[in-house]
Amino acid sequence: RLPYERRIPAAGRVFARVLGPLAGWPARIRANLALACPDLAPAEIARLVRAVPDNAGRAMAETYSGAEFTARMAATSWLEGEGLPVIEAAAGDGRSVILACAHFGNYDVLRAVLAARGWPVGGLYRPMNNIAFNRHYVPAIEAIAEPVFPRGREGLGRMLRFLRQGGMLCLGFDQHVRGGETLSFFGLPAKTALTPAELALRHDAPLVPIHAIRQPDGLTFRVHAFAPVPPGEPAAMMQACNDGLEALVRAHMDQWFWVHRRWKKRDR
């Protein structure tokens, strides 16, 4: 019921002051920061404990704002970067592209901005454990851009057909993946999925890291397509994605989802 300019900051405040603490996020954020950035000043840690849930709340409210969100992203956010000409060329040739993204800023902005250009962009998502929440979450992300594919056998076949038809696929790589390759992130061992690199090699598609950076007004985004990762060994390709994301997170510490259990104790 609130207008967009008030709704998004209000959701951020609710997550920062109420929902985040109820879910135990402050302790998780502090633990991850102690691992990855042990020299961080106490004042900066305290700021991030508030700012990270605020960004998450804003992203959730944006995702659930439907057509208003997609229209605003198309009108107010911009696409840039060394990887943009590569994406444009692939779109013109009808070739597939693998877009390596992360839980940074708001990753749904990527699909909104790319789809606004008329490009076929799909996303892979993990169905929520809470079935009731999943029933309305999936329609919300579908309203931003289709298709979206659930992880697992159900979505795999459709996803591969989409790629063979020249689609652009957004794939996250910043969460712990059981059975993934042990790579480095913030100087710590981090299980990382090789799937983005493997699919790029299999389909002769460029692997383009891309992230939506929230701007100081808290409402608009700069979508930066980084230079494509050179083809090679999948582990080396994904390490390049990890390194690029780490540099971006260090520049915008409050925009990465520090709540994830990115570094498991047994891996460390």
C-alpha atoms as a PDB file:
ATOM      1  CA  ARG A   1       0.000   0.000   0.000  1.00  0.00           C
ATOM      2  CA  LEU A   2       2.981   2.324   0.349  1.00  0.00           C
ATOM      3  CA  PRO A   3       4.300   4.082  -2.776  1.00  0.00           C
ATOM      4  CA  TYR A   4       7.435   2.479  -4.213  1.00  0.00           C
ATOM      5  CA  GLU A   5       9.859   5.159  -2.956  1.00  0.00           C
ATOM      6  CA  ARG A   6       8.667   4.574   0.629  1.00  0.00           C
ATOM      7  CA  ARG A   7       7.927   0.851   0.373  1.00  0.00           C
ATOM      8  CA  ILE A   8      11.477  -0.263  -0.507  1.00  0.00           C
ATOM      9  CA  PRO A   9      13.280   1.607   2.332  1.00  0.00           C
ATOM     10  CA  ALA A  10      10.535   0.579   4.772  1.00  0.00           C
ATOM     11  CA  ALA A  11      11.074  -3.094   3.946  1.00  0.00           C
ATOM     12  CA  GLY A  12      14.796  -2.611   4.495  1.00  0.00           C
ATOM     13  CA  ARG A  13      14.171  -1.162   7.948  1.00  0.00           C
ATOM     14  CA  VAL A  14      11.831  -4.036   8.893  1.00  0.00           C
ATOM     15  CA  PHE A  15      14.460  -6.610   7.929  1.00  0.00           C
ATOM     16  CA  ALA A  16      17.273  -4.713   9.664  1.00  0.00           C
ATOM     17  CA  ARG A  17      15.411  -4.050  12.922  1.00  0.00           C
ATOM     18  CA  VAL A  18      12.962  -6.956  13.271  1.00  0.00           C
ATOM     19  CA  LEU A  19      13.131  -9.918  10.892  1.00  0.00           C
ATOM     20  CA  GLY A  20      16.920 -10.170  10.637  1.00  0.00           C
ATOM     21  CA  PRO A  21      17.481 -10.262  14.415  1.00  0.00           C
ATOM     22  CA  LEU A  22      14.596 -12.735  14.853  1.00  0.00           C
ATOM     23  CA  ALA A  23      16.259 -15.033  12.304  1.00  0.00           C
ATOM     24  CA  GLY A  24      19.652 -14.783  14.011  1.00  0.00           C
ATOM     25  CA  TRP A  25      21.265 -12.918  11.137  1.00  0.00           C
ATOM     26  CA  PRO A  26      23.458 -10.556  13.212  1.00  0.00           C
ATOM     27  CA  ALA A  27      25.377 -13.464  14.732  1.00  0.00           C
ATOM     28  CA  ARG A  28      25.816 -15.120  11.324  1.00  0.00           C
ATOM     29  CA  ILE A  29      27.039 -11.878   9.739  1.00  0.00           C
ATOM     30  CA  ARG A  30      29.523 -11.277  12.557  1.00  0.00           C
ATOM     31  CA  ALA A  31      30.821 -14.857  12.313  1.00  0.00           C
ATOM     32  CA  ASN A  32      31.355 -14.628   8.554  1.00  0.00           C
ATOM     33  CA  LEU A  33      33.052 -11.251   8.834  1.00  0.00           C
ATOM     34  CA  ALA A  34      35.338 -12.593  11.569  1.00  0.00           C
ATOM     35  CA  LEU A  35      36.403 -15.349   9.182  1.00  0.00           C
ATOM     36  CA  ALA A  36      36.755 -13.357   5.980  1.00  0.00           C
ATOM     37  CA  CYS A  37      37.735  -9.902   7.260  1.00  0.00           C
ATOM     38  CA  PRO A  38      39.270 -10.352  10.723  1.00  0.00           C
ATOM     39  CA  ASP A  39      40.823  -6.858  10.685  1.00  0.00           C
ATOM     40  CA  LEU A  40      37.525  -5.050  10.100  1.00  0.00           C
ATOM     41  CA  ALA A  41      36.904  -2.185  12.526  1.00  0.00           C
ATOM     42  CA  PRO A  42      34.149  -2.751  15.138  1.00  0.00           C
ATOM     43  CA  ALA A  43      32.227   0.276  13.865  1.00  0.00           C
ATOM     44  CA  GLU A  44      32.177  -1.141  10.330  1.00  0.00           C
ATOM     45  CA  ILE A  45      31.023  -4.537  11.615  1.00  0.00           C
ATOM     46  CA  ALA A  46      28.177  -2.846  13.502  1.00  0.00           C
ATOM     47  CA  ARG A  47      27.217  -0.937  10.341  1.00  0.00           C
ATOM     48  CA  LEU A  48      27.165  -4.109   8.245  1.00  0.00           C
ATOM     49  CA  VAL A  49      25.050  -5.973  10.800  1.00  0.00           C
ATOM     50  CA  ARG A  50      22.355  -3.371  10.054  1.00  0.00           C
ATOM     51  CA  ALA A  51      23.087  -2.682   6.377  1.00  0.00           C
ATOM     52  CA  VAL A  52      23.173  -6.276   5.062  1.00  0.00           C
ATOM     53  CA  PRO A  53      19.616  -7.133   6.245  1.00  0.00           C
ATOM     54  CA  ASP A  54      18.477  -3.718   4.999  1.00  0.00           C
ATOM     55  CA  ASN A  55      19.681  -4.550   1.489  1.00  0.00           C
ATOM     56  CA  ALA A  56      18.051  -7.999   1.694  1.00  0.00           C
ATOM     57  CA  GLY A  57      14.731  -6.471   2.745  1.00  0.00           C
ATOM     58  CA  ARG A  58      14.868  -3.954  -0.080  1.00  0.00           C
ATOM     59  CA  ALA A  59      15.596  -6.739  -2.577  1.00  0.00           C
ATOM     60  CA  MET A  60      12.656  -8.806  -1.320  1.00  0.00           C
ATOM     61  CA  ALA A  61      10.259  -5.866  -1.587  1.00  0.00           C
ATOM     62  CA  GLU A  62      11.561  -5.078  -5.080  1.00  0.00           C
ATOM     63  CA  THR A  63      11.074  -8.652  -6.245  1.00  0.00           C
ATOM     64  CA  TYR A  64       7.492  -8.606  -4.985  1.00  0.00           C
ATOM     65  CA  SER A  65       6.713  -5.274  -6.658  1.00  0.00           C
ATOM     66  CA  GLY A  66       5.995  -7.018  -9.956  1.00  0.00           C
ATOM     67  CA  ALA A  67       5.389  -4.902 -13.043  1.00  0.00           C
ATOM     68  CA  GLU A  68       6.232  -1.685 -11.190  1.00  0.00           C
ATOM     69  CA  PHE A  69       9.674  -3.079 -10.361  1.00  0.00           C
ATOM     70  CA  THR A  70      10.434  -4.255 -13.904  1.00  0.00           C
ATOM     71  CA  ALA A  71       9.238  -0.966 -15.421  1.00  0.00           C
ATOM     72  CA  ARG A  72      11.364   1.046 -13.005  1.00  0.00           C
ATOM     73  CA  MET A  73      14.452  -1.079 -13.614  1.00  0.00           C
ATOM     74  CA  ALA A  74      14.064  -0.680 -17.375  1.00  0.00           C
ATOM     75  CA  ALA A  75      13.683   3.098 -17.021  1.00  0.00           C
ATOM     76  CA  THR A  76      16.141   3.986 -14.235  1.00  0.00           C
ATOM     77  CA  SER A  77      18.912   1.368 -14.130  1.00  0.00           C
ATOM     78  CA  TRP A  78      21.593   1.015 -16.747  1.00  0.00           C
ATOM     79  CA  LEU A  79      23.717  -1.732 -18.308  1.00  0.00           C
ATOM     80  CA  GLU A  80      27.427  -1.230 -18.845  1.00  0.00           C
ATOM     81  CA  GLY A  81      30.821  -2.917 -18.773  1.00  0.00           C
ATOM     82  CA  GLU A  82      33.392  -4.746 -20.859  1.00  0.00           C
ATOM     83  CA  GLY A  83      31.111  -7.749 -21.247  1.00  0.00           C
ATOM     84  CA  LEU A  84      28.203  -5.777 -22.730  1.00  0.00           C
ATOM     85  CA  PRO A  85      29.434  -5.893 -26.380  1.00  0.00           C
ATOM     86  CA  VAL A  86      29.879  -9.661 -26.012  1.00  0.00           C
ATOM     87  CA  ILE A  87      26.290 -10.060 -24.781  1.00  0.00           C
ATOM     88  CA  GLU A  88      24.974  -7.799 -27.543  1.00  0.00           C
ATOM     89  CA  ALA A  89      26.858  -9.740 -30.216  1.00  0.00           C
ATOM     90  CA  ALA A  90      25.604 -13.076 -28.875  1.00  0.00           C
ATOM     91  CA  ALA A  91      22.027 -11.763 -28.829  1.00  0.00           C
ATOM     92  CA  GLY A  92      22.357 -10.619 -32.415  1.00  0.00           C
ATOM     93  CA  ASP A  93      23.707 -14.005 -33.509  1.00  0.00           C
ATOM     94  CA  GLY A  94      21.182 -16.019 -31.485  1.00  0.00           C
ATOM     95  CA  ARG A  95      23.968 -17.585 -29.395  1.00  0.00           C
ATOM     96  CA  SER A  96      23.638 -18.604 -25.770  1.00  0.00           C
ATOM     97  CA  VAL A  97      25.383 -16.752 -22.918  1.00  0.00           C
ATOM     98  CA  ILE A  98      26.113 -17.935 -19.380  1.00  0.00           C
ATOM     99  CA  LEU A  99      25.725 -15.056 -16.924  1.00  0.00           C
ATOM    100  CA  ALA A 100      27.579 -15.741 -13.663  1.00  0.00           C
ATOM    101  CA  CYS A 101      25.827 -13.826 -10.875  1.00  0.00           C
ATOM    102  CA  ALA A 102      25.657 -13.736  -7.080  1.00  0.00           C
ATOM    103  CA  HIS A 103      23.493 -12.731  -4.131  1.00  0.00           C
ATOM    104  CA  PHE A 104      24.731  -9.180  -4.443  1.00  0.00           C
ATOM    105  CA  GLY A 105      22.665  -5.986  -4.659  1.00  0.00           C
ATOM    106  CA  ASN A 106      19.542  -7.539  -6.140  1.00  0.00           C
ATOM    107  CA  TYR A 107      20.185 -10.309  -8.646  1.00  0.00           C
ATOM    108  CA  ASP A 108      16.622 -10.115 -10.005  1.00  0.00           C
ATOM    109  CA  VAL A 109      17.541  -6.708 -11.444  1.00  0.00           C
ATOM    110  CA  LEU A 110      19.762  -8.514 -13.958  1.00  0.00           C
ATOM    111  CA  ARG A 111      16.867 -10.354 -15.540  1.00  0.00           C
ATOM    112  CA  ALA A 112      14.636  -7.276 -15.501  1.00  0.00           C
ATOM    113  CA  VAL A 113      17.205  -5.086 -17.269  1.00  0.00           C
ATOM    114  CA  LEU A 114      18.223  -7.718 -19.823  1.00  0.00           C
ATOM    115  CA  ALA A 115      14.638  -8.728 -20.596  1.00  0.00           C
ATOM    116  CA  ALA A 116      13.754  -5.058 -21.130  1.00  0.00           C
ATOM    117  CA  ARG A 117      16.057  -5.163 -24.163  1.00  0.00           C
ATOM    118  CA  GLY A 118      14.024  -7.996 -25.605  1.00  0.00           C
ATOM    119  CA  TRP A 119      16.702 -10.609 -24.934  1.00  0.00           C
ATOM    120  CA  PRO A 120      15.723 -14.161 -23.898  1.00  0.00           C
ATOM    121  CA  VAL A 121      17.001 -14.427 -20.334  1.00  0.00           C
ATOM    122  CA  GLY A 122      16.295 -17.300 -17.975  1.00  0.00           C
ATOM    123  CA  GLY A 123      17.213 -18.043 -14.390  1.00  0.00           C
ATOM    124  CA  LEU A 124      17.850 -21.071 -12.221  1.00  0.00           C
ATOM    125  CA  TYR A 125      16.365 -21.077  -8.716  1.00  0.00           C
ATOM    126  CA  ARG A 126      16.336 -23.376  -5.725  1.00  0.00           C
ATOM    127  CA  PRO A 127      12.766 -24.169  -4.615  1.00  0.00           C
ATOM    128  CA  MET A 128      12.178 -22.917  -1.080  1.00  0.00           C
ATOM    129  CA  ASN A 129      11.988 -25.455   1.731  1.00  0.00           C
ATOM    130  CA  ASN A 130       8.842 -23.692   2.969  1.00  0.00           C
ATOM    131  CA  ILE A 131       6.183 -24.916   0.519  1.00  0.00           C
ATOM    132  CA  ALA A 132       3.703 -22.163   1.400  1.00  0.00           C
ATOM    133  CA  PHE A 133       6.312 -19.473   0.724  1.00  0.00           C
ATOM    134  CA  ASN A 134       7.396 -21.176  -2.502  1.00  0.00           C
ATOM    135  CA  ARG A 135       3.820 -20.984  -3.872  1.00  0.00           C
ATOM    136  CA  HIS A 136       3.954 -17.198  -4.104  1.00  0.00           C
ATOM    137  CA  TYR A 137       7.742 -16.776  -4.514  1.00  0.00           C
ATOM    138  CA  VAL A 138       7.887 -18.574  -7.859  1.00  0.00           C
ATOM    139  CA  PRO A 139       5.109 -16.480  -9.482  1.00  0.00           C
ATOM    140  CA  ALA A 140       6.883 -13.353  -8.191  1.00  0.00           C
ATOM    141  CA  ILE A 141      10.177 -14.177  -9.896  1.00  0.00           C
ATOM    142  CA  GLU A 142       8.371 -15.386 -13.017  1.00  0.00           C
ATOM    143  CA  ALA A 143       6.648 -11.995 -13.260  1.00  0.00           C
ATOM    144  CA  ILE A 144      10.069 -10.319 -13.632  1.00  0.00           C
ATOM    145  CA  ALA A 145      11.203 -12.416 -16.607  1.00  0.00           C
ATOM    146  CA  GLU A 146      10.590 -15.916 -17.894  1.00  0.00           C
ATOM    147  CA  PRO A 147      11.602 -18.659 -18.041  1.00  0.00           C
ATOM    148  CA  VAL A 148      12.867 -19.699 -14.625  1.00  0.00           C
ATOM    149  CA  PHE A 149      13.974 -23.266 -13.964  1.00  0.00           C
ATOM    150  CA  PRO A 150      13.886 -25.129 -10.622  1.00  0.00           C
ATOM    151  CA  ARG A 151      17.067 -26.886  -9.611  1.00  0.00           C
ATOM    152  CA  GLY A 152      16.903 -30.631 -10.027  1.00  0.00           C
ATOM    153  CA  ARG A 153      15.770 -33.037 -12.697  1.00  0.00           C
ATOM    154  CA  GLU A 154      12.498 -31.207 -13.283  1.00  0.00           C
ATOM    155  CA  GLY A 155      14.118 -28.062 -14.599  1.00  0.00           C
ATOM    156  CA  LEU A 156      17.320 -29.465 -16.102  1.00  0.00           C
ATOM    157  CA  GLY A 157      15.861 -30.641 -19.411  1.00  0.00           C
ATOM    158  CA  ARG A 158      13.999 -27.385 -20.031  1.00  0.00           C
ATOM    159  CA  MET A 159      17.069 -25.362 -19.094  1.00  0.00           C
ATOM    160  CA  LEU A 160      19.301 -27.221 -21.559  1.00  0.00           C
ATOM    161  CA  ARG A 161      16.755 -26.812 -24.355  1.00  0.00           C
ATOM    162  CA  PHE A 162      16.609 -23.093 -23.591  1.00  0.00           C
ATOM    163  CA  LEU A 163      20.396 -22.859 -23.903  1.00  0.00           C
ATOM    164  CA  ARG A 164      20.484 -24.790 -27.167  1.00  0.00           C
ATOM    165  CA  GLN A 165      17.950 -22.308 -28.551  1.00  0.00           C
ATOM    166  CA  GLY A 166      20.278 -19.387 -27.825  1.00  0.00           C
ATOM    167  CA  GLY A 167      18.993 -18.261 -24.434  1.00  0.00           C
ATOM    168  CA  MET A 168      20.920 -16.294 -21.819  1.00  0.00           C
ATOM    169  CA  LEU A 169      21.047 -18.075 -18.477  1.00  0.00           C
ATOM    170  CA  CYS A 170      21.701 -16.458 -15.085  1.00  0.00           C
ATOM    171  CA  LEU A 171      23.503 -18.877 -12.752  1.00  0.00           C
ATOM    172  CA  GLY A 172      24.530 -18.115  -9.178  1.00  0.00           C
ATOM    173  CA  PHE A 173      27.929 -19.290  -7.963  1.00  0.00           C
ATOM    174  CA  ASP A 174      28.381 -17.732  -4.518  1.00  0.00           C
ATOM    175  CA  GLN A 175      26.770 -20.355  -2.270  1.00  0.00           C
ATOM    176  CA  HIS A 176      28.296 -23.441  -0.672  1.00  0.00           C
ATOM    177  CA  VAL A 177      27.668 -26.440  -2.935  1.00  0.00           C
ATOM    178  CA  ARG A 178      28.040 -29.907  -1.503  1.00  0.00           C
ATOM    179  CA  GLY A 179      30.296 -31.803  -3.875  1.00  0.00           C
ATOM    180  CA  GLY A 180      31.533 -28.603  -5.480  1.00  0.00           C
ATOM    181  CA  GLU A 181      35.179 -27.820  -6.168  1.00  0.00           C
ATOM    182  CA  THR A 182      37.184 -26.403  -3.267  1.00  0.00           C
ATOM    183  CA  LEU A 183      38.280 -22.989  -4.487  1.00  0.00           C
ATOM    184  CA  SER A 184      39.249 -19.790  -2.679  1.00  0.00           C
ATOM    185  CA  PHE A 185      36.966 -16.923  -1.646  1.00  0.00           C
ATOM    186  CA  PHE A 186      38.289 -14.204   0.667  1.00  0.00           C
ATOM    187  CA  GLY A 187      41.346 -16.423   1.130  1.00  0.00           C
ATOM    188  CA  LEU A 188      39.256 -19.249   2.593  1.00  0.00           C
ATOM    189  CA  PRO A 189      38.391 -22.665   1.140  1.00  0.00           C
ATOM    190  CA  ALA A 190      34.939 -22.405  -0.424  1.00  0.00           C
ATOM    191  CA  LYS A 191      33.040 -25.192  -2.168  1.00  0.00           C
ATOM    192  CA  THR A 192      32.032 -23.700  -5.521  1.00  0.00           C
ATOM    193  CA  ALA A 193      29.818 -25.025  -8.291  1.00  0.00           C
ATOM    194  CA  LEU A 194      31.620 -25.537 -11.609  1.00  0.00           C
ATOM    195  CA  THR A 195      28.311 -25.654 -13.510  1.00  0.00           C
ATOM    196  CA  PRO A 196      28.494 -22.144 -15.050  1.00  0.00           C
ATOM    197  CA  ALA A 197      31.920 -22.833 -16.551  1.00  0.00           C
ATOM    198  CA  GLU A 198      31.021 -26.372 -17.646  1.00  0.00           C
ATOM    199  CA  LEU A 199      27.859 -25.200 -19.412  1.00  0.00           C
ATOM    200  CA  ALA A 200      29.736 -22.360 -21.092  1.00  0.00           C
ATOM    201  CA  LEU A 201      32.328 -24.780 -22.447  1.00  0.00           C
ATOM    202  CA  ARG A 202      29.744 -27.371 -23.472  1.00  0.00           C
ATOM    203  CA  HIS A 203      27.613 -24.863 -25.386  1.00  0.00           C
ATOM    204  CA  ASP A 204      30.484 -22.726 -26.744  1.00  0.00           C
ATOM    205  CA  ALA A 205      28.979 -19.781 -24.862  1.00  0.00           C
ATOM    206  CA  PRO A 206      30.789 -16.842 -23.271  1.00  0.00           C
ATOM    207  CA  LEU A 207      30.910 -16.876 -19.466  1.00  0.00           C
ATOM    208  CA  VAL A 208      30.162 -13.302 -18.398  1.00  0.00           C
ATOM    209  CA  PRO A 209      30.210 -12.327 -14.696  1.00  0.00           C
ATOM    210  CA  ILE A 210      27.443  -9.773 -14.143  1.00  0.00           C
ATOM    211  CA  HIS A 211      26.237  -8.009 -11.021  1.00  0.00           C
ATOM    212  CA  ALA A 212      23.636  -5.352 -10.139  1.00  0.00           C
ATOM    213  CA  ILE A 213      25.207  -2.682  -7.912  1.00  0.00           C
ATOM    214  CA  ARG A 214      22.725  -0.724  -5.809  1.00  0.00           C
ATOM    215  CA  GLN A 215      23.253   3.013  -6.124  1.00  0.00           C
ATOM    216  CA  PRO A 216      23.468   5.529  -3.241  1.00  0.00           C
ATOM    217  CA  ASP A 217      19.776   6.462  -3.631  1.00  0.00           C
ATOM    218  CA  GLY A 218      18.924   2.900  -2.563  1.00  0.00           C
ATOM    219  CA  LEU A 219      16.458   2.449  -5.437  1.00  0.00           C
ATOM    220  CA  THR A 220      18.379   2.356  -8.725  1.00  0.00           C
ATOM    221  CA  PHE A 221      21.108   0.015  -9.975  1.00  0.00           C
ATOM    222  CA  ARG A 222      24.147  -0.079 -12.186  1.00  0.00           C
ATOM    223  CA  VAL A 223      24.279  -3.476 -13.912  1.00  0.00           C
ATOM    224  CA  HIS A 224      27.918  -4.173 -14.766  1.00  0.00           C
ATOM    225  CA  ALA A 225      28.807  -6.954 -17.209  1.00  0.00           C
ATOM    226  CA  PHE A 226      32.449  -7.780 -16.564  1.00  0.00           C
ATOM    227  CA  ALA A 227      34.888  -9.060 -19.171  1.00  0.00           C
ATOM    228  CA  PRO A 228      34.151 -12.665 -20.210  1.00  0.00           C
ATOM    229  CA  VAL A 229      36.184 -15.335 -18.429  1.00  0.00           C
ATOM    230  CA  PRO A 230      38.608 -16.937 -20.930  1.00  0.00           C
ATOM    231  CA  PRO A 231      37.809 -20.599 -21.679  1.00  0.00           C
ATOM    232  CA  GLY A 232      39.989 -23.077 -19.844  1.00  0.00           C
ATOM    233  CA  GLU A 233      39.767 -25.501 -16.958  1.00  0.00           C
ATOM    234  CA  PRO A 234      36.360 -25.120 -15.257  1.00  0.00           C
ATOM    235  CA  ALA A 235      37.954 -24.710 -11.815  1.00  0.00           C
ATOM    236  CA  ALA A 236      40.205 -21.900 -13.060  1.00  0.00           C
ATOM    237  CA  MET A 237      37.247 -20.198 -14.724  1.00  0.00           C
ATOM    238  CA  MET A 238      35.180 -20.279 -11.548  1.00  0.00           C
ATOM    239  CA  GLN A 239      38.125 -19.113  -9.458  1.00  0.00           C
ATOM    240  CA  ALA A 240      38.223 -16.055 -11.723  1.00  0.00           C
ATOM    241  CA  CYS A 241      34.518 -15.511 -10.947  1.00  0.00           C
ATOM    242  CA  ASN A 242      35.215 -15.822  -7.211  1.00  0.00           C
ATOM    243  CA  ASP A 243      38.106 -13.356  -7.438  1.00  0.00           C
ATOM    244  CA  GLY A 244      36.026 -10.818  -9.336  1.00  0.00           C
ATOM    245  CA  LEU A 245      33.147 -11.105  -6.883  1.00  0.00           C
ATOM    246  CA  GLU A 246      35.500 -10.726  -3.916  1.00  0.00           C
ATOM    247  CA  ALA A 247      36.879  -7.474  -5.349  1.00  0.00           C
ATOM    248  CA  LEU A 248      33.334  -6.207  -5.906  1.00  0.00           C
ATOM    249  CA  VAL A 249      32.210  -7.177  -2.391  1.00  0.00           C
ATOM    250  CA  ARG A 250      35.214  -5.440  -0.839  1.00  0.00           C
ATOM    251  CA  ALA A 251      34.155  -2.278  -2.660  1.00  0.00           C
ATOM    252  CA  HIS A 252      30.498  -2.626  -1.546  1.00  0.00           C
ATOM    253  CA  MET A 253      30.580  -4.683   1.642  1.00  0.00           C
ATOM    254  CA  ASP A 254      26.929  -4.075   2.535  1.00  0.00           C
ATOM    255  CA  GLN A 255      25.551  -5.461  -0.733  1.00  0.00           C
ATOM    256  CA  TRP A 256      26.631  -9.110  -0.476  1.00  0.00           C
ATOM    257  CA  PHE A 257      24.461 -11.509   1.522  1.00  0.00           C
ATOM    258  CA  TRP A 258      26.841 -12.193   4.423  1.00  0.00           C
ATOM    259  CA  VAL A 259      24.176 -14.412   5.987  1.00  0.00           C
ATOM    260  CA  HIS A 260      24.998 -17.376   3.741  1.00  0.00           C
ATOM    261  CA  ARG A 261      26.922 -20.288   5.254  1.00  0.00           C
ATOM    262  CA  ARG A 262      29.537 -19.795   2.540  1.00  0.00           C
ATOM    263  CA  TRP A 263      32.403 -21.350   4.485  1.00  0.00           C
ATOM    264  CA  LYS A 264      31.595 -24.659   6.154  1.00  0.00           C
ATOM    265  CA  LYS A 265      33.641 -25.639   9.167  1.00  0.00           C
ATOM    266  CA  ARG A 266      34.688 -29.003   7.743  1.00  0.00           C
ATOM    267  CA  ASP A 267      36.042 -27.269   4.613  1.00  0.00           C
ATOM    268  CA  ARG A 268      38.001 -24.760   6.699  1.00  0.00           C
END
